[in-house]
C-alpha atoms as a PDB file:
ATOM      1  CA  UNK A   1      97.343 120.063 228.681  1.00  0.00           C
ATOM      2  CA  UNK A   2      93.701 120.411 227.210  1.00  0.00           C
ATOM      3  CA  UNK A   3      93.029 120.933 223.561  1.00  0.00           C
ATOM      4  CA  UNK A   4      91.455 124.034 222.727  1.00  0.00           C
ATOM      5  CA  UNK A   5      89.103 124.688 219.612  1.00  0.00           C
ATOM      6  CA  UNK A   6      90.922 126.842 217.331  1.00  0.00           C
ATOM      7  CA  UNK A   7      89.963 128.521 213.845  1.00  0.00           C
ATOM      8  CA  UNK A   8      86.810 126.436 213.815  1.00  0.00           C
ATOM      9  CA  UNK A   9      84.316 128.893 215.166  1.00  0.00           C
ATOM     10  CA  UNK A  10      82.870 127.681 218.272  1.00  0.00           C
ATOM     11  CA  UNK A  11      79.044 128.375 218.536  1.00  0.00           C
ATOM     12  CA  UNK A  12      76.808 127.784 221.386  1.00  0.00           C
ATOM     13  CA  UNK A  13      75.565 124.523 219.621  1.00  0.00           C
ATOM     14  CA  UNK A  14      78.670 123.235 217.807  1.00  0.00           C
ATOM     15  CA  UNK A  15      81.186 124.710 215.224  1.00  0.00           C
ATOM     16  CA  UNK A  16      81.495 126.397 212.019  1.00  0.00           C
ATOM     17  CA  UNK A  17      84.284 125.321 209.702  1.00  0.00           C
ATOM     18  CA  UNK A  18      83.584 127.496 206.401  1.00  0.00           C
ATOM     19  CA  UNK A  19      80.786 125.904 204.611  1.00  0.00           C
ATOM     20  CA  UNK A  20      80.604 122.967 207.212  1.00  0.00           C
ATOM     21  CA  UNK A  21      78.666 123.183 210.442  1.00  0.00           C
ATOM     22  CA  UNK A  22      79.077 120.488 213.138  1.00  0.00           C
ATOM     23  CA  UNK A  23      76.103 120.629 215.541  1.00  0.00           C
ATOM     24  CA  UNK A  24      76.347 118.941 218.952  1.00  0.00           C
ATOM     25  CA  UNK A  25      73.889 116.032 219.512  1.00  0.00           C
ATOM     26  CA  UNK A  26      73.494 113.723 222.313  1.00  0.00           C
ATOM     27  CA  UNK A  27      74.015 110.264 220.722  1.00  0.00           C
ATOM     28  CA  UNK A  28      74.026 109.046 216.821  1.00  0.00           C
ATOM     29  CA  UNK A  29      70.849 107.928 215.176  1.00  0.00           C
ATOM     30  CA  UNK A  30      70.041 104.331 214.774  1.00  0.00           C
ATOM     31  CA  UNK A  31      71.288 102.379 211.712  1.00  0.00           C
ATOM     32  CA  UNK A  32      74.152 104.272 210.495  1.00  0.00           C
ATOM     33  CA  UNK A  33      77.149 102.792 208.403  1.00  0.00           C
ATOM     34  CA  UNK A  34      80.450 104.414 208.870  1.00  0.00           C
ATOM     35  CA  UNK A  35      82.664 105.394 206.237  1.00  0.00           C
ATOM     36  CA  UNK A  36      86.407 105.134 205.909  1.00  0.00           C
ATOM     37  CA  UNK A  37      86.740 108.404 203.957  1.00  0.00           C
ATOM     38  CA  UNK A  38      88.740 111.174 205.890  1.00  0.00           C
ATOM     39  CA  UNK A  39      86.601 113.748 203.660  1.00  0.00           C
ATOM     40  CA  UNK A  40      83.476 115.229 205.408  1.00  0.00           C
ATOM     41  CA  UNK A  41      82.721 117.597 202.720  1.00  0.00           C
ATOM     42  CA  UNK A  42      84.295 119.072 199.685  1.00  0.00           C
ATOM     43  CA  UNK A  43      83.588 122.858 200.077  1.00  0.00           C
ATOM     44  CA  UNK A  44      82.073 125.254 197.379  1.00  0.00           C
ATOM     45  CA  UNK A  45      85.581 126.006 196.080  1.00  0.00           C
ATOM     46  CA  UNK A  46      86.576 122.446 195.612  1.00  0.00           C
ATOM     47  CA  UNK A  47      88.537 122.309 199.062  1.00  0.00           C
ATOM     48  CA  UNK A  48      88.215 119.318 201.256  1.00  0.00           C
ATOM     49  CA  UNK A  49      87.209 119.459 204.787  1.00  0.00           C
ATOM     50  CA  UNK A  50      89.190 116.570 206.287  1.00  0.00           C
ATOM     51  CA  UNK A  51      90.300 115.084 209.660  1.00  0.00           C
ATOM     52  CA  UNK A  52      92.861 112.949 211.420  1.00  0.00           C
ATOM     53  CA  UNK A  53      91.022 110.827 213.753  1.00  0.00           C
ATOM     54  CA  UNK A  54      87.064 110.160 214.572  1.00  0.00           C
ATOM     55  CA  UNK A  55      84.356 108.152 212.746  1.00  0.00           C
ATOM     56  CA  UNK A  56      82.288 109.319 210.018  1.00  0.00           C
ATOM     57  CA  UNK A  57      78.768 108.062 209.241  1.00  0.00           C
ATOM     58  CA  UNK A  58      77.577 109.920 205.779  1.00  0.00           C
ATOM     59  CA  UNK A  59      73.927 110.308 205.626  1.00  0.00           C
ATOM     60  CA  UNK A  60      72.225 112.777 203.609  1.00  0.00           C
ATOM     61  CA  UNK A  61      68.804 114.322 204.980  1.00  0.00           C
ATOM     62  CA  UNK A  62      67.167 116.840 202.851  1.00  0.00           C
ATOM     63  CA  UNK A  63      69.319 120.076 201.710  1.00  0.00           C
ATOM     64  CA  UNK A  64      71.674 120.295 204.789  1.00  0.00           C
ATOM     65  CA  UNK A  65      72.445 117.300 206.570  1.00  0.00           C
ATOM     66  CA  UNK A  66      75.304 115.295 205.340  1.00  0.00           C
ATOM     67  CA  UNK A  67      76.122 113.043 208.067  1.00  0.00           C
ATOM     68  CA  UNK A  68      77.383 112.544 211.457  1.00  0.00           C
ATOM     69  CA  UNK A  69      80.630 112.320 213.225  1.00  0.00           C
ATOM     70  CA  UNK A  70      82.155 111.008 216.661  1.00  0.00           C
ATOM     71  CA  UNK A  71      85.128 113.554 217.658  1.00  0.00           C
ATOM     72  CA  UNK A  72      87.940 111.792 219.669  1.00  0.00           C
ATOM     73  CA  UNK A  73      91.017 113.905 219.866  1.00  0.00           C
ATOM     74  CA  UNK A  74      90.083 115.183 216.529  1.00  0.00           C
ATOM     75  CA  UNK A  75      91.700 117.972 214.209  1.00  0.00           C
ATOM     76  CA  UNK A  76      90.086 119.396 211.090  1.00  0.00           C
ATOM     77  CA  UNK A  77      91.884 120.369 208.109  1.00  0.00           C
ATOM     78  CA  UNK A  78      91.436 122.593 205.494  1.00  0.00           C
ATOM     79  CA  UNK A  79      93.431 125.050 203.079  1.00  0.00           C
ATOM     80  CA  UNK A  80      91.458 128.161 204.260  1.00  0.00           C
ATOM     81  CA  UNK A  81      89.895 127.532 207.852  1.00  0.00           C
ATOM     82  CA  UNK A  82      92.358 126.899 210.596  1.00  0.00           C
ATOM     83  CA  UNK A  83      95.809 127.993 211.975  1.00  0.00           C
ATOM     84  CA  UNK A  84      98.325 128.874 209.420  1.00  0.00           C
ATOM     85  CA  UNK A  85     101.323 126.467 209.643  1.00  0.00           C
ATOM     86  CA  UNK A  86     104.478 127.635 207.861  1.00  0.00           C
ATOM     87  CA  UNK A  87     105.107 125.247 205.063  1.00  0.00           C
ATOM     88  CA  UNK A  88     101.897 123.528 205.062  1.00  0.00           C
ATOM     89  CA  UNK A  89      99.056 123.833 202.545  1.00  0.00           C
ATOM     90  CA  UNK A  90      96.299 122.528 205.231  1.00  0.00           C
ATOM     91  CA  UNK A  91      95.243 124.285 208.377  1.00  0.00           C
ATOM     92  CA  UNK A  92      94.349 122.468 211.196  1.00  0.00           C
ATOM     93  CA  UNK A  93      91.568 123.319 213.649  1.00  0.00           C
ATOM     94  CA  UNK A  94      90.930 121.126 216.732  1.00  0.00           C
ATOM     95  CA  UNK A  95      87.392 120.351 217.975  1.00  0.00           C
ATOM     96  CA  UNK A  96      86.120 119.246 221.437  1.00  0.00           C
ATOM     97  CA  UNK A  97      85.241 115.246 221.625  1.00  0.00           C
ATOM     98  CA  UNK A  98      81.598 114.584 221.212  1.00  0.00           C
ATOM     99  CA  UNK A  99      78.843 113.380 218.572  1.00  0.00           C
ATOM    100  CA  UNK A 100      78.155 115.725 215.978  1.00  0.00           C
ATOM    101  CA  UNK A 101      75.422 116.241 213.030  1.00  0.00           C
ATOM    102  CA  UNK A 102      77.052 117.660 209.855  1.00  0.00           C
ATOM    103  CA  UNK A 103      75.244 120.176 207.898  1.00  0.00           C
ATOM    104  CA  UNK A 104      75.917 121.874 204.870  1.00  0.00           C
ATOM    105  CA  UNK A 105      75.396 125.356 205.748  1.00  0.00           C
ATOM    106  CA  UNK A 106      73.044 127.485 203.700  1.00  0.00           C
ATOM    107  CA  UNK A 107      71.970 130.902 203.461  1.00  0.00           C
ATOM    108  CA  UNK A 108      68.030 132.015 203.264  1.00  0.00           C
ATOM    109  CA  UNK A 109      67.041 134.344 201.008  1.00  0.00           C
ATOM    110  CA  UNK A 110      63.176 135.384 200.375  1.00  0.00           C
ATOM    111  CA  UNK A 111      62.986 132.988 197.303  1.00  0.00           C
ATOM    112  CA  UNK A 112      65.057 130.018 198.619  1.00  0.00           C
ATOM    113  CA  UNK A 113      67.450 128.262 200.810  1.00  0.00           C
ATOM    114  CA  UNK A 114      70.848 127.664 199.046  1.00  0.00           C
ATOM    115  CA  UNK A 115      74.336 126.451 200.023  1.00  0.00           C
ATOM    116  CA  UNK A 116      76.555 129.074 201.486  1.00  0.00           C
ATOM    117  CA  UNK A 117      79.337 130.107 199.339  1.00  0.00           C
ATOM    118  CA  UNK A 118      82.477 130.686 201.464  1.00  0.00           C
END
């Protein structure tokens, strides 16, 4: 049975998962170092965006890019974004296999770009 993306909002170039965006890319940039952490981002309200399986490469670039991720049978977890599971504090959201650039979503104002408060 095929896994379907749920509760992470699929967009033409990846997924939105609260204040985390996963942007599909063809391949990882060279020179990255993997991290054993299962937390991709701690969101604006202190909630972690975590995952079960995959490879996380933290790498900050400017105000938005926070790293890279290789998904293989991956489910994201967050207390607010995902399918509600009775008796669980975390909500799962399945994403498609692939390579993603991870971005902290921002909103553009006339004065500046600032992180999305979700």
